[in-house]
Amino acid sequence: MMRTCDGDGSNEPFHLVWPLTVREAWVQASSYLSNSGVEDGAHHAELLLRHVLNWDRAAYLLYLAESLPEEAAAAFEDAISRRSQGEPTQYVMGEAYFYGRRFEVSKDVLIPRPETELLVEAVLEEAGRMWASETPVIAADIGTGSGAIVCTLALERPHWNMIGVDISPDALKMAQHNAEALSAASSIEWLEGDLLLPLEGRRLDILISNPPYIPEEDMSGLQREVRDFEPHLALVGGRDGLDPYRRMMDMMKGWSELPSMIAFELGQGQAGDVARLIEEHGHWTSVRIVKDLAGIERHVLGIKSIDRDER
């Protein structure tokens, strides 16, 4: 069977030229993706090829010289065609990894980012200083999306009581599905609603959020993978990207009991503004800014000093 390869960057679907080995399929797909404007096309071609073959990297390297199984060809061609149009690899595969765990993802939720793992680590680090190891801490993840943060914390701290909140019912379904798949569901409560509204009257020890923080005018300049495929509801944070932070801080002004820790992820250049919002509130005695691996101030934590034996 012979097929032609449309690797000229056009909108024509990708087709393999047969017969071919696994390595040759990867080479053709790499070239096609690169010509279609996909950065690091070789890497994405490998990920998608391994996905359709259901191989880990060791198996992939072992069988590179073998003939590509013909039954995998159609799925691989479809995957490469979708990726060439800008659809993120994680959506094509239907999965992303966070904190070493597999999460199912779709266009209803943001793809979990590696930098958010640093937010989880910062929360765990500060919590370790604030509470004894078996304290039943209550923590809420606002805008939970795929459930990456809430499920990770539930698994890393099984004695914590977790709450996942999202305004999107489809996102909540995805998060619940992931929690079940990861055996994390027993310690998580799910609430549907806008930011902190579902939490009124509830006591929290920790509030965590990776809210929409991209300014409206910046959307058009984003990579097509983000701009055209990820949910805008989870991306746009108003004119300057800070609306969700302002709203959450305002909502908490009416709470009789405030969390001892709040932790936010944010966009480049927003750390100073968010830190000031926390400081102006007056409840949290210290503010910590955490940089990501690129040196960008990516997370802000507000911490109220408490007696470790208080609870």
C-alpha atoms as a PDB file:
ATOM      1  CA  MET A   1       0.000   0.000   0.000  1.00  0.00           C
ATOM      2  CA  MET A   2       1.450   3.348  -1.032  1.00  0.00           C
ATOM      3  CA  ARG A   3       0.404   6.714   0.338  1.00  0.00           C
ATOM      4  CA  THR A   4       1.711  10.192  -0.310  1.00  0.00           C
ATOM      5  CA  CYS A   5       3.099  12.462   2.366  1.00  0.00           C
ATOM      6  CA  ASP A   6       1.643  15.957   2.485  1.00  0.00           C
ATOM      7  CA  GLY A   7       4.443  17.474   4.537  1.00  0.00           C
ATOM      8  CA  ASP A   8       4.537  20.917   2.955  1.00  0.00           C
ATOM      9  CA  GLY A   9       2.793  22.777   5.776  1.00  0.00           C
ATOM     10  CA  SER A  10      -0.573  22.856   3.933  1.00  0.00           C
ATOM     11  CA  ASN A  11      -3.898  21.997   5.502  1.00  0.00           C
ATOM     12  CA  GLU A  12      -3.987  18.639   3.762  1.00  0.00           C
ATOM     13  CA  PRO A  13      -4.193  15.678   6.173  1.00  0.00           C
ATOM     14  CA  PHE A  14      -1.007  13.823   6.937  1.00  0.00           C
ATOM     15  CA  HIS A  15      -0.440  10.531   5.123  1.00  0.00           C
ATOM     16  CA  LEU A  16       2.389   8.072   5.521  1.00  0.00           C
ATOM     17  CA  VAL A  17       4.412   6.663   2.656  1.00  0.00           C
ATOM     18  CA  TRP A  18       4.471   2.870   2.892  1.00  0.00           C
ATOM     19  CA  PRO A  19       6.116   0.470   3.547  1.00  0.00           C
ATOM     20  CA  LEU A  20       8.048   1.912   6.465  1.00  0.00           C
ATOM     21  CA  THR A  21       9.618   1.235   9.825  1.00  0.00           C
ATOM     22  CA  VAL A  22       8.687   2.873  13.109  1.00  0.00           C
ATOM     23  CA  ARG A  23      11.693   5.175  12.725  1.00  0.00           C
ATOM     24  CA  GLU A  24      10.649   6.175   9.198  1.00  0.00           C
ATOM     25  CA  ALA A  25       7.111   6.929  10.389  1.00  0.00           C
ATOM     26  CA  TRP A  26       8.600   9.177  13.059  1.00  0.00           C
ATOM     27  CA  VAL A  27      10.840  10.935  10.510  1.00  0.00           C
ATOM     28  CA  GLN A  28       7.927  11.624   8.138  1.00  0.00           C
ATOM     29  CA  ALA A  29       5.718  12.891  10.958  1.00  0.00           C
ATOM     30  CA  SER A  30       8.510  15.041  12.420  1.00  0.00           C
ATOM     31  CA  SER A  31       9.081  16.733   9.077  1.00  0.00           C
ATOM     32  CA  TYR A  32       5.362  17.279   8.542  1.00  0.00           C
ATOM     33  CA  LEU A  33       4.850  18.854  11.966  1.00  0.00           C
ATOM     34  CA  SER A  34       7.895  21.089  11.612  1.00  0.00           C
ATOM     35  CA  ASN A  35       6.704  22.273   8.205  1.00  0.00           C
ATOM     36  CA  SER A  36       3.293  22.946   9.750  1.00  0.00           C
ATOM     37  CA  GLY A  37       4.802  25.339  12.276  1.00  0.00           C
ATOM     38  CA  VAL A  38       4.878  23.014  15.281  1.00  0.00           C
ATOM     39  CA  GLU A  39       7.838  23.795  17.509  1.00  0.00           C
ATOM     40  CA  ASP A  40       9.946  20.706  18.301  1.00  0.00           C
ATOM     41  CA  GLY A  41       7.955  18.580  15.875  1.00  0.00           C
ATOM     42  CA  ALA A  42      10.239  15.591  16.440  1.00  0.00           C
ATOM     43  CA  HIS A  43       9.348  15.437  20.123  1.00  0.00           C
ATOM     44  CA  HIS A  44       5.610  15.647  19.488  1.00  0.00           C
ATOM     45  CA  ALA A  45       5.810  13.076  16.708  1.00  0.00           C
ATOM     46  CA  GLU A  46       7.477  10.640  19.097  1.00  0.00           C
ATOM     47  CA  LEU A  47       4.906  11.229  21.825  1.00  0.00           C
ATOM     48  CA  LEU A  48       2.004  10.652  19.445  1.00  0.00           C
ATOM     49  CA  LEU A  49       3.625   7.601  17.862  1.00  0.00           C
ATOM     50  CA  ARG A  50       4.251   6.029  21.250  1.00  0.00           C
ATOM     51  CA  HIS A  51       0.686   6.870  22.242  1.00  0.00           C
ATOM     52  CA  VAL A  52      -0.973   5.104  19.301  1.00  0.00           C
ATOM     53  CA  LEU A  53       1.362   2.135  19.721  1.00  0.00           C
ATOM     54  CA  ASN A  54       0.819   2.098  23.503  1.00  0.00           C
ATOM     55  CA  TRP A  55       4.577   1.812  24.044  1.00  0.00           C
ATOM     56  CA  ASP A  56       6.752   3.312  26.718  1.00  0.00           C
ATOM     57  CA  ARG A  57      10.012   4.904  25.604  1.00  0.00           C
ATOM     58  CA  ALA A  58      12.049   1.744  26.217  1.00  0.00           C
ATOM     59  CA  ALA A  59       9.836  -0.279  23.878  1.00  0.00           C
ATOM     60  CA  TYR A  60       9.835   2.527  21.341  1.00  0.00           C
ATOM     61  CA  LEU A  61      13.643   2.653  21.209  1.00  0.00           C
ATOM     62  CA  LEU A  62      13.855  -1.140  21.084  1.00  0.00           C
ATOM     63  CA  TYR A  63      11.534  -1.486  18.091  1.00  0.00           C
ATOM     64  CA  LEU A  64      12.491   1.589  16.042  1.00  0.00           C
ATOM     65  CA  ALA A  65      13.831  -0.574  13.227  1.00  0.00           C
ATOM     66  CA  GLU A  66      10.738  -2.803  13.088  1.00  0.00           C
ATOM     67  CA  SER A  67       7.899  -2.334  10.597  1.00  0.00           C
ATOM     68  CA  LEU A  68       5.158   0.006  11.751  1.00  0.00           C
ATOM     69  CA  PRO A  69       2.078  -2.054  12.606  1.00  0.00           C
ATOM     70  CA  GLU A  70      -0.397  -1.202   9.872  1.00  0.00           C
ATOM     71  CA  GLU A  71      -3.307  -1.205  12.306  1.00  0.00           C
ATOM     72  CA  ALA A  72      -1.719   1.820  14.029  1.00  0.00           C
ATOM     73  CA  ALA A  73      -1.289   3.842  10.849  1.00  0.00           C
ATOM     74  CA  ALA A  74      -4.736   5.473  10.637  1.00  0.00           C
ATOM     75  CA  ALA A  75      -4.682   6.579  14.286  1.00  0.00           C
ATOM     76  CA  PHE A  76      -1.171   7.997  13.882  1.00  0.00           C
ATOM     77  CA  GLU A  77      -2.096   9.882  10.710  1.00  0.00           C
ATOM     78  CA  ASP A  78      -5.143  11.372  12.429  1.00  0.00           C
ATOM     79  CA  ALA A  79      -3.118  12.344  15.495  1.00  0.00           C
ATOM     80  CA  ILE A  80      -0.421  14.067  13.426  1.00  0.00           C
ATOM     81  CA  SER A  81      -3.026  15.861  11.302  1.00  0.00           C
ATOM     82  CA  ARG A  82      -4.732  17.213  14.417  1.00  0.00           C
ATOM     83  CA  ARG A  83      -1.438  18.305  15.961  1.00  0.00           C
ATOM     84  CA  SER A  84      -0.422  20.044  12.719  1.00  0.00           C
ATOM     85  CA  GLN A  85      -3.514  22.258  13.006  1.00  0.00           C
ATOM     86  CA  GLY A  86      -2.394  23.454  16.433  1.00  0.00           C
ATOM     87  CA  GLU A  87      -4.336  21.098  18.689  1.00  0.00           C
ATOM     88  CA  PRO A  88      -2.130  20.428  21.727  1.00  0.00           C
ATOM     89  CA  THR A  89      -0.571  17.002  21.948  1.00  0.00           C
ATOM     90  CA  GLN A  90      -2.183  16.433  25.351  1.00  0.00           C
ATOM     91  CA  TYR A  91      -5.663  16.921  23.883  1.00  0.00           C
ATOM     92  CA  VAL A  92      -4.868  14.633  20.965  1.00  0.00           C
ATOM     93  CA  MET A  93      -3.742  11.937  23.392  1.00  0.00           C
ATOM     94  CA  GLY A  94      -6.463  12.766  25.917  1.00  0.00           C
ATOM     95  CA  GLU A  95      -3.990  12.796  28.778  1.00  0.00           C
ATOM     96  CA  ALA A  96      -1.385  14.861  30.595  1.00  0.00           C
ATOM     97  CA  TYR A  97       0.945  14.110  33.474  1.00  0.00           C
ATOM     98  CA  PHE A  98       1.114  16.139  36.668  1.00  0.00           C
ATOM     99  CA  TYR A  99       3.258  15.314  39.677  1.00  0.00           C
ATOM    100  CA  GLY A 100       4.060  11.989  38.017  1.00  0.00           C
ATOM    101  CA  ARG A 101       0.406  10.992  37.686  1.00  0.00           C
ATOM    102  CA  ARG A 102      -1.785  10.602  34.616  1.00  0.00           C
ATOM    103  CA  PHE A 103      -4.770  12.948  34.258  1.00  0.00           C
ATOM    104  CA  GLU A 104      -7.365  12.701  31.532  1.00  0.00           C
ATOM    105  CA  VAL A 105      -7.835  16.019  29.737  1.00  0.00           C
ATOM    106  CA  SER A 106     -10.158  17.417  27.102  1.00  0.00           C
ATOM    107  CA  LYS A 107     -10.995  20.828  25.674  1.00  0.00           C
ATOM    108  CA  ASP A 108     -13.214  21.387  28.729  1.00  0.00           C
ATOM    109  CA  VAL A 109     -10.168  21.873  30.961  1.00  0.00           C
ATOM    110  CA  LEU A 110      -6.773  23.544  30.876  1.00  0.00           C
ATOM    111  CA  ILE A 111      -3.779  21.294  30.360  1.00  0.00           C
ATOM    112  CA  PRO A 112      -1.909  20.987  33.692  1.00  0.00           C
ATOM    113  CA  ARG A 113       1.406  22.861  33.550  1.00  0.00           C
ATOM    114  CA  PRO A 114       4.702  21.808  35.132  1.00  0.00           C
ATOM    115  CA  GLU A 115       5.015  25.172  36.891  1.00  0.00           C
ATOM    116  CA  THR A 116       1.826  24.422  38.836  1.00  0.00           C
ATOM    117  CA  GLU A 117       3.647  21.516  40.443  1.00  0.00           C
ATOM    118  CA  LEU A 118       5.775  24.167  42.179  1.00  0.00           C
ATOM    119  CA  LEU A 119       2.610  25.679  43.651  1.00  0.00           C
ATOM    120  CA  VAL A 120       1.682  22.288  45.100  1.00  0.00           C
ATOM    121  CA  GLU A 121       5.197  21.895  46.512  1.00  0.00           C
ATOM    122  CA  ALA A 122       5.095  25.357  48.095  1.00  0.00           C
ATOM    123  CA  VAL A 123       1.741  24.609  49.742  1.00  0.00           C
ATOM    124  CA  LEU A 124       2.996  21.280  51.100  1.00  0.00           C
ATOM    125  CA  GLU A 125       6.169  22.915  52.385  1.00  0.00           C
ATOM    126  CA  GLU A 126       4.367  25.724  54.201  1.00  0.00           C
ATOM    127  CA  ALA A 127       1.707  23.375  55.562  1.00  0.00           C
ATOM    128  CA  GLY A 128       4.443  21.188  57.001  1.00  0.00           C
ATOM    129  CA  ARG A 129       5.639  24.159  59.011  1.00  0.00           C
ATOM    130  CA  MET A 130       2.162  25.167  60.157  1.00  0.00           C
ATOM    131  CA  TRP A 131       0.451  21.920  61.134  1.00  0.00           C
ATOM    132  CA  ALA A 132       1.459  18.613  62.674  1.00  0.00           C
ATOM    133  CA  SER A 133       1.691  15.759  60.173  1.00  0.00           C
ATOM    134  CA  GLU A 134      -1.704  14.178  60.917  1.00  0.00           C
ATOM    135  CA  THR A 135      -3.731  17.374  61.342  1.00  0.00           C
ATOM    136  CA  PRO A 136      -6.995  17.116  59.325  1.00  0.00           C
ATOM    137  CA  VAL A 137      -6.397  20.260  57.272  1.00  0.00           C
ATOM    138  CA  ILE A 138      -9.274  21.533  55.105  1.00  0.00           C
ATOM    139  CA  ALA A 139      -8.098  22.820  51.710  1.00  0.00           C
ATOM    140  CA  ALA A 140     -10.023  24.088  48.682  1.00  0.00           C
ATOM    141  CA  ASP A 141      -8.850  24.295  45.073  1.00  0.00           C
ATOM    142  CA  ILE A 142     -10.682  27.084  43.234  1.00  0.00           C
ATOM    143  CA  GLY A 143     -11.052  26.572  39.477  1.00  0.00           C
ATOM    144  CA  THR A 144     -10.055  22.946  39.783  1.00  0.00           C
ATOM    145  CA  GLY A 145     -10.271  22.114  36.054  1.00  0.00           C
ATOM    146  CA  SER A 146      -8.831  18.644  35.503  1.00  0.00           C
ATOM    147  CA  GLY A 147      -8.453  18.236  39.251  1.00  0.00           C
ATOM    148  CA  ALA A 148      -4.656  18.183  39.065  1.00  0.00           C
ATOM    149  CA  ILE A 149      -4.092  20.261  42.209  1.00  0.00           C
ATOM    150  CA  VAL A 150      -6.884  18.877  44.374  1.00  0.00           C
ATOM    151  CA  CYS A 151      -6.178  15.245  43.478  1.00  0.00           C
ATOM    152  CA  THR A 152      -2.440  15.655  43.990  1.00  0.00           C
ATOM    153  CA  LEU A 153      -2.885  17.185  47.428  1.00  0.00           C
ATOM    154  CA  ALA A 154      -5.422  14.502  48.364  1.00  0.00           C
ATOM    155  CA  LEU A 155      -2.922  11.803  47.433  1.00  0.00           C
ATOM    156  CA  GLU A 156       0.106  13.476  48.965  1.00  0.00           C
ATOM    157  CA  ARG A 157      -1.773  14.237  52.206  1.00  0.00           C
ATOM    158  CA  PRO A 158      -4.465  11.544  52.606  1.00  0.00           C
ATOM    159  CA  HIS A 159      -5.575  12.938  55.981  1.00  0.00           C
ATOM    160  CA  TRP A 160      -6.498  16.311  54.448  1.00  0.00           C
ATOM    161  CA  ASN A 161     -10.099  17.109  53.573  1.00  0.00           C
ATOM    162  CA  MET A 162     -10.143  18.520  50.045  1.00  0.00           C
ATOM    163  CA  ILE A 163     -12.722  20.591  48.151  1.00  0.00           C
ATOM    164  CA  GLY A 164     -12.663  21.093  44.387  1.00  0.00           C
ATOM    165  CA  VAL A 165     -14.597  24.090  43.020  1.00  0.00           C
ATOM    166  CA  ASP A 166     -15.289  25.021  39.409  1.00  0.00           C
ATOM    167  CA  ILE A 167     -17.875  27.095  37.571  1.00  0.00           C
ATOM    168  CA  SER A 168     -17.901  24.618  34.677  1.00  0.00           C
ATOM    169  CA  PRO A 169     -19.964  21.429  35.188  1.00  0.00           C
ATOM    170  CA  ASP A 170     -17.984  19.739  32.404  1.00  0.00           C
ATOM    171  CA  ALA A 171     -14.710  20.536  34.153  1.00  0.00           C
ATOM    172  CA  LEU A 172     -16.068  19.160  37.426  1.00  0.00           C
ATOM    173  CA  LYS A 173     -17.042  15.917  35.692  1.00  0.00           C
ATOM    174  CA  MET A 174     -13.511  15.588  34.340  1.00  0.00           C
ATOM    175  CA  ALA A 175     -12.000  16.290  37.761  1.00  0.00           C
ATOM    176  CA  GLN A 176     -14.273  13.737  39.404  1.00  0.00           C
ATOM    177  CA  HIS A 177     -13.348  11.173  36.756  1.00  0.00           C
ATOM    178  CA  ASN A 178      -9.655  11.751  37.407  1.00  0.00           C
ATOM    179  CA  ALA A 179     -10.149  11.513  41.159  1.00  0.00           C
ATOM    180  CA  GLU A 180     -11.866   8.150  40.742  1.00  0.00           C
ATOM    181  CA  ALA A 181      -9.154   6.878  38.404  1.00  0.00           C
ATOM    182  CA  LEU A 182      -6.445   7.912  40.868  1.00  0.00           C
ATOM    183  CA  SER A 183      -8.295   6.526  43.918  1.00  0.00           C
ATOM    184  CA  ALA A 184      -8.395  10.018  45.409  1.00  0.00           C
ATOM    185  CA  ALA A 185     -12.144  10.600  45.415  1.00  0.00           C
ATOM    186  CA  SER A 186     -12.889   9.552  49.007  1.00  0.00           C
ATOM    187  CA  SER A 187     -11.340  12.690  50.527  1.00  0.00           C
ATOM    188  CA  ILE A 188     -12.618  15.223  47.956  1.00  0.00           C
ATOM    189  CA  GLU A 189     -15.883  17.176  47.955  1.00  0.00           C
ATOM    190  CA  TRP A 190     -16.969  18.848  44.713  1.00  0.00           C
ATOM    191  CA  LEU A 191     -18.782  22.179  44.474  1.00  0.00           C
ATOM    192  CA  GLU A 192     -20.034  23.957  41.354  1.00  0.00           C
ATOM    193  CA  GLY A 193     -19.996  27.731  41.310  1.00  0.00           C
ATOM    194  CA  ASP A 194     -18.171  30.985  40.667  1.00  0.00           C
ATOM    195  CA  LEU A 195     -14.876  31.313  42.552  1.00  0.00           C
ATOM    196  CA  LEU A 196     -15.558  31.403  46.325  1.00  0.00           C
ATOM    197  CA  LEU A 197     -19.356  31.672  46.229  1.00  0.00           C
ATOM    198  CA  PRO A 198     -19.928  27.943  46.937  1.00  0.00           C
ATOM    199  CA  LEU A 199     -17.684  28.214  50.008  1.00  0.00           C
ATOM    200  CA  GLU A 200     -19.594  30.900  51.898  1.00  0.00           C
ATOM    201  CA  GLY A 201     -19.969  29.866  55.514  1.00  0.00           C
ATOM    202  CA  ARG A 202     -17.369  27.108  55.209  1.00  0.00           C
ATOM    203  CA  ARG A 203     -14.208  26.981  57.288  1.00  0.00           C
ATOM    204  CA  LEU A 204     -10.964  26.549  55.378  1.00  0.00           C
ATOM    205  CA  ASP A 205      -7.354  26.209  56.417  1.00  0.00           C
ATOM    206  CA  ILE A 206      -5.901  26.552  52.922  1.00  0.00           C
ATOM    207  CA  LEU A 207      -7.265  28.189  49.780  1.00  0.00           C
ATOM    208  CA  ILE A 208      -5.457  27.450  46.517  1.00  0.00           C
ATOM    209  CA  SER A 209      -6.257  28.792  43.073  1.00  0.00           C
ATOM    210  CA  ASN A 210      -4.796  28.855  39.589  1.00  0.00           C
ATOM    211  CA  PRO A 211      -7.466  31.169  38.167  1.00  0.00           C
ATOM    212  CA  PRO A 212      -7.810  32.766  34.725  1.00  0.00           C
ATOM    213  CA  TYR A 213      -5.079  35.437  34.616  1.00  0.00           C
ATOM    214  CA  ILE A 214      -4.432  36.356  30.983  1.00  0.00           C
ATOM    215  CA  PRO A 215      -5.361  39.976  30.109  1.00  0.00           C
ATOM    216  CA  GLU A 216      -8.044  40.212  27.433  1.00  0.00           C
ATOM    217  CA  GLU A 217      -5.842  42.106  24.989  1.00  0.00           C
ATOM    218  CA  ASP A 218      -3.101  39.462  25.228  1.00  0.00           C
ATOM    219  CA  MET A 219      -5.273  36.595  23.986  1.00  0.00           C
ATOM    220  CA  SER A 220      -4.713  37.305  20.300  1.00  0.00           C
ATOM    221  CA  GLY A 221      -0.950  37.055  20.752  1.00  0.00           C
ATOM    222  CA  LEU A 222      -0.942  33.666  22.472  1.00  0.00           C
ATOM    223  CA  GLN A 223       0.292  30.494  20.812  1.00  0.00           C
ATOM    224  CA  ARG A 224      -2.445  28.959  18.665  1.00  0.00           C
ATOM    225  CA  GLU A 225      -2.341  25.848  20.876  1.00  0.00           C
ATOM    226  CA  VAL A 226      -3.618  27.958  23.784  1.00  0.00           C
ATOM    227  CA  ARG A 227      -5.633  30.629  21.963  1.00  0.00           C
ATOM    228  CA  ASP A 228      -7.593  28.318  19.674  1.00  0.00           C
ATOM    229  CA  PHE A 229      -7.993  25.171  21.782  1.00  0.00           C
ATOM    230  CA  GLU A 230      -7.882  25.726  25.537  1.00  0.00           C
ATOM    231  CA  PRO A 231     -11.086  27.002  27.240  1.00  0.00           C
ATOM    232  CA  HIS A 232     -11.189  30.810  27.329  1.00  0.00           C
ATOM    233  CA  LEU A 233     -13.302  30.664  30.495  1.00  0.00           C
ATOM    234  CA  ALA A 234     -10.227  29.295  32.261  1.00  0.00           C
ATOM    235  CA  LEU A 235      -7.789  31.703  30.589  1.00  0.00           C
ATOM    236  CA  VAL A 236      -9.057  35.287  30.516  1.00  0.00           C
ATOM    237  CA  GLY A 237      -8.882  37.255  33.764  1.00  0.00           C
ATOM    238  CA  GLY A 238     -10.393  40.544  32.626  1.00  0.00           C
ATOM    239  CA  ARG A 239      -8.770  43.662  31.233  1.00  0.00           C
ATOM    240  CA  ASP A 240      -5.516  43.295  33.166  1.00  0.00           C
ATOM    241  CA  GLY A 241      -5.830  39.627  34.168  1.00  0.00           C
ATOM    242  CA  LEU A 242      -6.284  40.423  37.853  1.00  0.00           C
ATOM    243  CA  ASP A 243     -10.085  40.340  38.153  1.00  0.00           C
ATOM    244  CA  PRO A 244     -10.278  36.843  39.739  1.00  0.00           C
ATOM    245  CA  TYR A 245      -7.771  37.799  42.463  1.00  0.00           C
ATOM    246  CA  ARG A 246      -9.605  41.027  43.272  1.00  0.00           C
ATOM    247  CA  ARG A 247     -12.929  39.209  43.397  1.00  0.00           C
ATOM    248  CA  MET A 248     -11.624  36.439  45.650  1.00  0.00           C
ATOM    249  CA  MET A 249     -10.051  38.927  48.053  1.00  0.00           C
ATOM    250  CA  ASP A 250     -13.291  40.929  48.148  1.00  0.00           C
ATOM    251  CA  MET A 251     -15.344  37.782  48.764  1.00  0.00           C
ATOM    252  CA  MET A 252     -13.177  36.834  51.721  1.00  0.00           C
ATOM    253  CA  LYS A 253     -13.733  40.214  53.387  1.00  0.00           C
ATOM    254  CA  GLY A 254     -17.151  38.980  54.425  1.00  0.00           C
ATOM    255  CA  TRP A 255     -15.940  35.696  55.906  1.00  0.00           C
ATOM    256  CA  SER A 256     -15.988  35.324  59.675  1.00  0.00           C
ATOM    257  CA  GLU A 257     -13.033  32.926  59.586  1.00  0.00           C
ATOM    258  CA  LEU A 258     -10.287  33.205  56.995  1.00  0.00           C
ATOM    259  CA  PRO A 259      -7.846  30.550  55.753  1.00  0.00           C
ATOM    260  CA  SER A 260      -4.452  30.455  57.396  1.00  0.00           C
ATOM    261  CA  MET A 261      -2.887  30.090  53.962  1.00  0.00           C
ATOM    262  CA  ILE A 262      -3.850  31.280  50.499  1.00  0.00           C
ATOM    263  CA  ALA A 263      -1.824  30.323  47.450  1.00  0.00           C
ATOM    264  CA  PHE A 264      -2.258  31.702  43.942  1.00  0.00           C
ATOM    265  CA  GLU A 265      -0.684  30.987  40.569  1.00  0.00           C
ATOM    266  CA  LEU A 266      -0.432  34.015  38.296  1.00  0.00           C
ATOM    267  CA  GLY A 267       0.966  35.388  35.066  1.00  0.00           C
ATOM    268  CA  GLN A 268       4.268  37.053  34.344  1.00  0.00           C
ATOM    269  CA  GLY A 269       4.491  40.513  35.897  1.00  0.00           C
ATOM    270  CA  GLN A 270       1.484  40.057  38.197  1.00  0.00           C
ATOM    271  CA  ALA A 271       3.208  38.951  41.409  1.00  0.00           C
ATOM    272  CA  GLY A 272       3.656  42.444  42.848  1.00  0.00           C
ATOM    273  CA  ASP A 273       0.010  43.386  42.297  1.00  0.00           C
ATOM    274  CA  VAL A 274      -1.329  40.157  43.800  1.00  0.00           C
ATOM    275  CA  ALA A 275       1.062  40.403  46.761  1.00  0.00           C
ATOM    276  CA  ARG A 276      -0.255  43.926  47.444  1.00  0.00           C
ATOM    277  CA  LEU A 277      -3.855  42.683  47.363  1.00  0.00           C
ATOM    278  CA  ILE A 278      -2.966  40.137  50.031  1.00  0.00           C
ATOM    279  CA  GLU A 279      -1.032  42.645  52.146  1.00  0.00           C
ATOM    280  CA  GLU A 280      -3.820  45.242  51.945  1.00  0.00           C
ATOM    281  CA  HIS A 281      -6.316  42.713  53.244  1.00  0.00           C
ATOM    282  CA  GLY A 282      -4.377  42.643  56.524  1.00  0.00           C
ATOM    283  CA  HIS A 283      -5.097  39.075  57.629  1.00  0.00           C
ATOM    284  CA  TRP A 284      -1.972  37.275  56.441  1.00  0.00           C
ATOM    285  CA  THR A 285       1.183  38.121  58.346  1.00  0.00           C
ATOM    286  CA  SER A 286       3.654  37.197  55.610  1.00  0.00           C
ATOM    287  CA  VAL A 287       3.643  37.033  51.837  1.00  0.00           C
ATOM    288  CA  ARG A 288       5.904  34.689  49.891  1.00  0.00           C
ATOM    289  CA  ILE A 289       6.615  34.908  46.163  1.00  0.00           C
ATOM    290  CA  VAL A 290       7.780  31.718  44.420  1.00  0.00           C
ATOM    291  CA  LYS A 291       9.630  31.730  41.110  1.00  0.00           C
ATOM    292  CA  ASP A 292       9.205  29.030  38.495  1.00  0.00           C
ATOM    293  CA  LEU A 293      12.096  27.209  36.830  1.00  0.00           C
ATOM    294  CA  ALA A 294      12.426  30.032  34.273  1.00  0.00           C
ATOM    295  CA  GLY A 295      12.896  32.575  37.060  1.00  0.00           C
ATOM    296  CA  ILE A 296       9.426  34.087  36.605  1.00  0.00           C
ATOM    297  CA  GLU A 297       7.559  35.098  39.769  1.00  0.00           C
ATOM    298  CA  ARG A 298       4.768  32.574  39.295  1.00  0.00           C
ATOM    299  CA  HIS A 299       3.118  32.027  42.698  1.00  0.00           C
ATOM    300  CA  VAL A 300       2.154  34.163  45.670  1.00  0.00           C
ATOM    301  CA  LEU A 301       1.334  32.743  49.095  1.00  0.00           C
ATOM    302  CA  GLY A 302      -0.231  34.574  52.013  1.00  0.00           C
ATOM    303  CA  ILE A 303       0.482  32.959  55.375  1.00  0.00           C
ATOM    304  CA  LYS A 304      -0.923  33.720  58.827  1.00  0.00           C
ATOM    305  CA  SER A 305       1.310  32.574  61.630  1.00  0.00           C
ATOM    306  CA  ILE A 306      -0.419  30.040  63.852  1.00  0.00           C
ATOM    307  CA  ASP A 307       0.579  27.889  66.788  1.00  0.00           C
ATOM    308  CA  ARG A 308       1.518  24.483  65.337  1.00  0.00           C
ATOM    309  CA  ASP A 309      -0.265  22.805  68.265  1.00  0.00           C
ATOM    310  CA  GLU A 310      -3.293  25.083  67.977  1.00  0.00           C
ATOM    311  CA  ARG A 311      -5.385  22.441  66.199  1.00  0.00           C
END
